[in-house]
Amino acid sequence: MIEIIVIEHMEPVLSKWMWIEYKHTSEMVGKDRLWITNVKDPDERALLRKIAKNVYEESVSELNISYDIIVLDPSASRTLEPEDLRDEVCVVIGGIMGDYPPKGRTRELSSKLKRKKTRNLGPLQFPIDSAAYIALEIDRGKRLDDIPILDQLEIEVSEGHTIVLPYAYPLVNGRPLISEEEIKYLKSGIEEDEARAIKEGKVRSVAEDLR
């Protein structure tokens, strides 16, 4: 049984897009079961404590976790199965945005954890919230092959203008698992943020807007 899900934050800043995915993950997992690690900025830690039970500056590899640890790693040789979750476990997800194709950062994290298993979610790459959802479904007894999945998601931003997200999304009641807030952001907010990032030479942390 999954006791906690840990997101190891692996980006330099907590962007608005990532914040939206973290919030959606918290809504599905429940605040009491969500930890977020490796958050270096104190303002970001304060913000994330609104959605997670524990938020750490340290990496998950530096924490003493009593549960068995399973890292969701695309490079793992075995796929996550219900049998892996019979005991009390901690599932670790890499908090990564925009790695397409993957750069192997989760594999680097796995190498630092001495006591762990690694499992994949098949050959496709999932957003953070989708990976958490699939882990929860497998915890409920489903196998990966039982979960319908859409490879790549196309969103119509305006007439004649679409964006394609090159990731995989589980289908829930026939619809891709993506929050309404994320769709709204992709339609109306991301272009402004990207233009600002180009102008400033960096991605702005969502915590900066609260300072």
Protein backbone atom coordinates (compact mmCIF):
# COMPACT_ATOMS: atom_id res chain seq x y z
CA MET A 1 0.00 0.00 0.00
CA ILE A 2 1.27 3.46 -0.85
CA GLU A 3 1.74 5.33 2.42
CA ILE A 4 3.36 8.43 0.96
CA ILE A 5 4.20 9.82 -2.45
CA VAL A 6 7.37 11.90 -2.60
CA ILE A 7 8.01 14.38 -5.39
CA GLU A 8 11.72 15.10 -5.65
CA HIS A 9 11.81 18.66 -6.99
CA MET A 10 14.42 18.65 -9.76
CA GLU A 11 14.04 22.02 -11.47
CA PRO A 12 15.93 25.22 -10.57
CA VAL A 13 12.71 27.06 -9.74
CA LEU A 14 9.07 26.28 -9.05
CA SER A 15 7.44 27.56 -12.24
CA LYS A 16 3.73 28.28 -12.44
CA TRP A 17 3.22 25.25 -14.68
CA MET A 18 4.96 22.98 -12.20
CA TRP A 19 3.02 24.52 -9.31
CA ILE A 20 -0.24 23.70 -11.09
CA GLU A 21 0.83 20.05 -11.56
CA TYR A 22 1.94 19.78 -7.93
CA LYS A 23 -1.43 21.13 -6.75
CA HIS A 24 -3.29 18.65 -8.95
CA THR A 25 -1.16 15.83 -7.57
CA SER A 26 -2.02 16.92 -4.03
CA GLU A 27 -5.73 16.92 -4.86
CA MET A 28 -5.51 13.29 -6.04
CA VAL A 29 -3.08 11.93 -3.45
CA GLY A 30 -4.25 13.99 -0.49
CA LYS A 31 -2.10 16.51 1.35
CA ASP A 32 -1.40 14.10 4.22
CA ARG A 33 0.24 11.58 1.88
CA LEU A 34 2.33 14.01 -0.18
CA TRP A 35 5.94 15.01 0.56
CA ILE A 36 8.02 17.32 -1.62
CA THR A 37 11.80 17.20 -1.30
CA ASN A 38 14.88 19.03 -2.60
CA VAL A 39 13.24 22.48 -2.50
CA LYS A 40 16.09 24.94 -1.96
CA ASP A 41 14.17 28.22 -1.94
CA PRO A 42 12.55 29.03 1.45
CA ASP A 43 9.66 30.94 -0.16
CA GLU A 44 8.91 27.97 -2.40
CA ARG A 45 8.98 25.65 0.60
CA ALA A 46 6.51 27.90 2.41
CA LEU A 47 4.18 27.88 -0.59
CA LEU A 48 4.40 24.12 -1.07
CA ARG A 49 3.49 23.49 2.58
CA LYS A 50 -0.03 24.57 1.61
CA ILE A 51 -0.41 21.41 -0.49
CA ALA A 52 2.02 18.87 1.05
CA LYS A 53 2.37 17.45 4.54
CA ASN A 54 6.16 17.73 4.55
CA VAL A 55 8.42 19.91 2.41
CA TYR A 56 12.19 19.49 2.72
CA GLU A 57 15.24 21.38 1.58
CA GLU A 58 17.06 18.05 1.56
CA SER A 59 16.84 15.45 -1.19
CA VAL A 60 14.83 12.32 -0.52
CA SER A 61 18.18 10.50 -0.68
CA GLU A 62 19.19 12.31 2.53
CA LEU A 63 16.07 11.44 4.52
CA ASN A 64 15.51 8.47 6.78
CA ILE A 65 12.30 6.94 5.44
CA SER A 66 11.04 3.84 7.24
CA TYR A 67 8.92 2.53 4.35
CA ASP A 68 10.17 0.51 1.41
CA ILE A 69 11.06 2.92 -1.38
CA ILE A 70 10.05 2.56 -5.03
CA VAL A 71 11.39 5.11 -7.50
CA LEU A 72 9.39 5.59 -10.69
CA ASP A 73 12.22 5.64 -13.21
CA PRO A 74 11.63 5.42 -16.99
CA SER A 75 14.92 3.54 -17.36
CA ALA A 76 13.96 0.81 -14.87
CA SER A 77 13.86 -2.72 -16.26
CA ARG A 78 10.60 -3.72 -14.54
CA THR A 79 7.11 -2.20 -14.69
CA LEU A 80 5.25 -1.23 -11.53
CA GLU A 81 2.74 -3.94 -10.54
CA PRO A 82 0.21 -4.32 -7.71
CA GLU A 83 2.47 -6.95 -6.13
CA ASP A 84 5.14 -4.28 -5.62
CA LEU A 85 2.74 -2.37 -3.37
CA ARG A 86 1.60 -5.11 -0.99
CA ASP A 87 3.75 -3.77 1.84
CA GLU A 88 3.83 -0.20 3.11
CA VAL A 89 5.78 1.75 0.51
CA CYS A 90 6.94 5.22 -0.39
CA VAL A 91 6.72 6.00 -4.11
CA VAL A 92 9.18 8.60 -5.41
CA ILE A 93 8.40 10.66 -8.52
CA GLY A 94 10.85 13.00 -10.21
CA GLY A 95 9.61 16.59 -10.25
CA ILE A 96 10.73 17.33 -13.80
CA MET A 97 9.24 19.58 -16.46
CA GLY A 98 9.99 19.61 -20.15
CA ASP A 99 12.50 16.78 -20.53
CA TYR A 100 11.60 15.47 -23.97
CA PRO A 101 13.28 13.17 -24.65
CA PRO A 102 14.14 12.25 -21.03
CA LYS A 103 17.63 13.19 -19.82
CA GLY A 104 17.92 10.45 -17.20
CA ARG A 105 17.70 12.70 -14.14
CA THR A 106 15.49 10.25 -12.26
CA ARG A 107 18.09 7.55 -12.89
CA GLU A 108 20.69 9.80 -11.26
CA LEU A 109 18.42 10.17 -8.23
CA SER A 110 17.90 6.40 -8.05
CA SER A 111 21.65 5.85 -7.93
CA LYS A 112 21.85 7.96 -4.74
CA LEU A 113 19.23 5.95 -2.88
CA LYS A 114 20.79 2.92 -1.24
CA ARG A 115 17.61 1.11 -0.24
CA LYS A 116 15.13 1.20 -3.08
CA LYS A 117 13.49 -0.57 -5.99
CA THR A 118 13.06 1.06 -9.37
CA ARG A 119 10.01 0.58 -11.55
CA ASN A 120 8.82 2.09 -14.82
CA LEU A 121 5.34 3.01 -16.04
CA GLY A 122 5.92 1.59 -19.48
CA PRO A 123 7.79 3.15 -22.41
CA LEU A 124 5.96 6.50 -22.38
CA GLN A 125 6.77 9.65 -20.42
CA PHE A 126 4.08 11.04 -18.10
CA PRO A 127 3.57 14.40 -16.42
CA ILE A 128 4.04 14.46 -12.65
CA ASP A 129 0.34 14.33 -11.79
CA SER A 130 -0.34 11.57 -14.32
CA ALA A 131 2.46 9.43 -12.87
CA ALA A 132 0.95 9.83 -9.41
CA TYR A 133 -2.51 8.88 -10.69
CA ILE A 134 -1.22 5.72 -12.37
CA ALA A 135 0.66 4.71 -9.22
CA LEU A 136 -2.56 5.11 -7.23
CA GLU A 137 -4.52 3.04 -9.75
CA ILE A 138 -1.94 0.25 -9.58
CA ASP A 139 -2.13 0.48 -5.79
CA ARG A 140 -5.86 -0.21 -6.16
CA GLY A 141 -5.08 -3.44 -8.01
CA LYS A 142 -5.04 -2.40 -11.65
CA ARG A 143 -2.23 -3.31 -14.01
CA LEU A 144 -0.69 -0.81 -16.37
CA ASP A 145 -2.28 -2.53 -19.37
CA ASP A 146 -5.72 -2.00 -17.77
CA ILE A 147 -5.29 1.79 -17.72
CA PRO A 148 -6.22 3.54 -21.00
CA ILE A 149 -3.53 6.00 -22.06
CA LEU A 150 -3.35 8.74 -24.68
CA ASP A 151 0.08 9.33 -26.20
CA GLN A 152 0.44 13.08 -26.82
CA LEU A 153 -2.24 15.63 -26.10
CA GLU A 154 -3.32 18.35 -28.51
CA ILE A 155 -4.97 21.43 -27.05
CA GLU A 156 -6.69 24.05 -29.18
CA VAL A 157 -5.51 27.43 -27.93
CA SER A 158 -7.44 29.49 -30.46
CA GLU A 159 -8.95 28.96 -33.89
CA GLY A 160 -6.26 27.43 -36.09
CA HIS A 161 -3.71 27.38 -33.27
CA THR A 162 -3.00 24.25 -31.24
CA ILE A 163 -0.24 23.11 -28.94
CA VAL A 164 0.90 19.51 -28.67
CA LEU A 165 2.12 18.17 -25.34
CA PRO A 166 4.52 15.29 -26.16
CA TYR A 167 3.65 13.27 -23.08
CA ALA A 168 1.26 10.47 -22.19
CA TYR A 169 -1.97 11.02 -20.27
CA PRO A 170 -4.20 8.41 -18.61
CA LEU A 171 -7.82 8.59 -19.70
CA VAL A 172 -10.40 8.99 -16.95
CA ASN A 173 -13.97 8.46 -18.15
CA GLY A 174 -12.65 8.83 -21.68
CA ARG A 175 -10.93 12.17 -21.07
CA PRO A 176 -7.20 12.92 -20.61
CA LEU A 177 -6.20 13.51 -16.99
CA ILE A 178 -5.23 17.18 -16.98
CA SER A 179 -6.54 19.85 -14.64
CA GLU A 180 -8.78 22.65 -15.88
CA GLU A 181 -6.33 25.11 -14.34
CA GLU A 182 -3.51 23.70 -16.46
CA ILE A 183 -5.58 23.89 -19.65
CA LYS A 184 -6.49 27.51 -18.86
CA TYR A 185 -2.83 28.33 -18.22
CA LEU A 186 -1.70 26.73 -21.48
CA LYS A 187 -4.36 28.67 -23.37
CA SER A 188 -3.87 32.08 -21.83
CA GLY A 189 -0.88 32.36 -19.51
CA ILE A 190 2.09 30.41 -20.77
CA GLU A 191 2.96 32.68 -23.69
CA GLU A 192 3.29 35.69 -21.38
CA ASP A 193 5.46 33.71 -18.96
CA GLU A 194 7.69 32.43 -21.76
CA ALA A 195 8.12 35.94 -23.16
CA ARG A 196 9.05 37.22 -19.72
CA ALA A 197 11.53 34.36 -19.26
CA ILE A 198 13.22 35.26 -22.54
CA LYS A 199 13.36 38.94 -21.57
CA GLU A 200 14.71 38.27 -18.06
CA GLY A 201 16.92 35.35 -19.05
CA LYS A 202 15.37 33.03 -16.47
CA VAL A 203 12.16 31.29 -15.52
CA ARG A 204 10.44 33.15 -12.71
CA SER A 205 9.44 31.24 -9.58
CA VAL A 206 5.74 31.30 -8.79
CA ALA A 207 6.78 32.25 -5.24
CA GLU A 208 8.12 35.59 -6.51
CA ASP A 209 4.59 36.77 -7.19
CA LEU A 210 3.76 36.29 -3.50
CA ARG A 211 6.71 38.25 -2.10
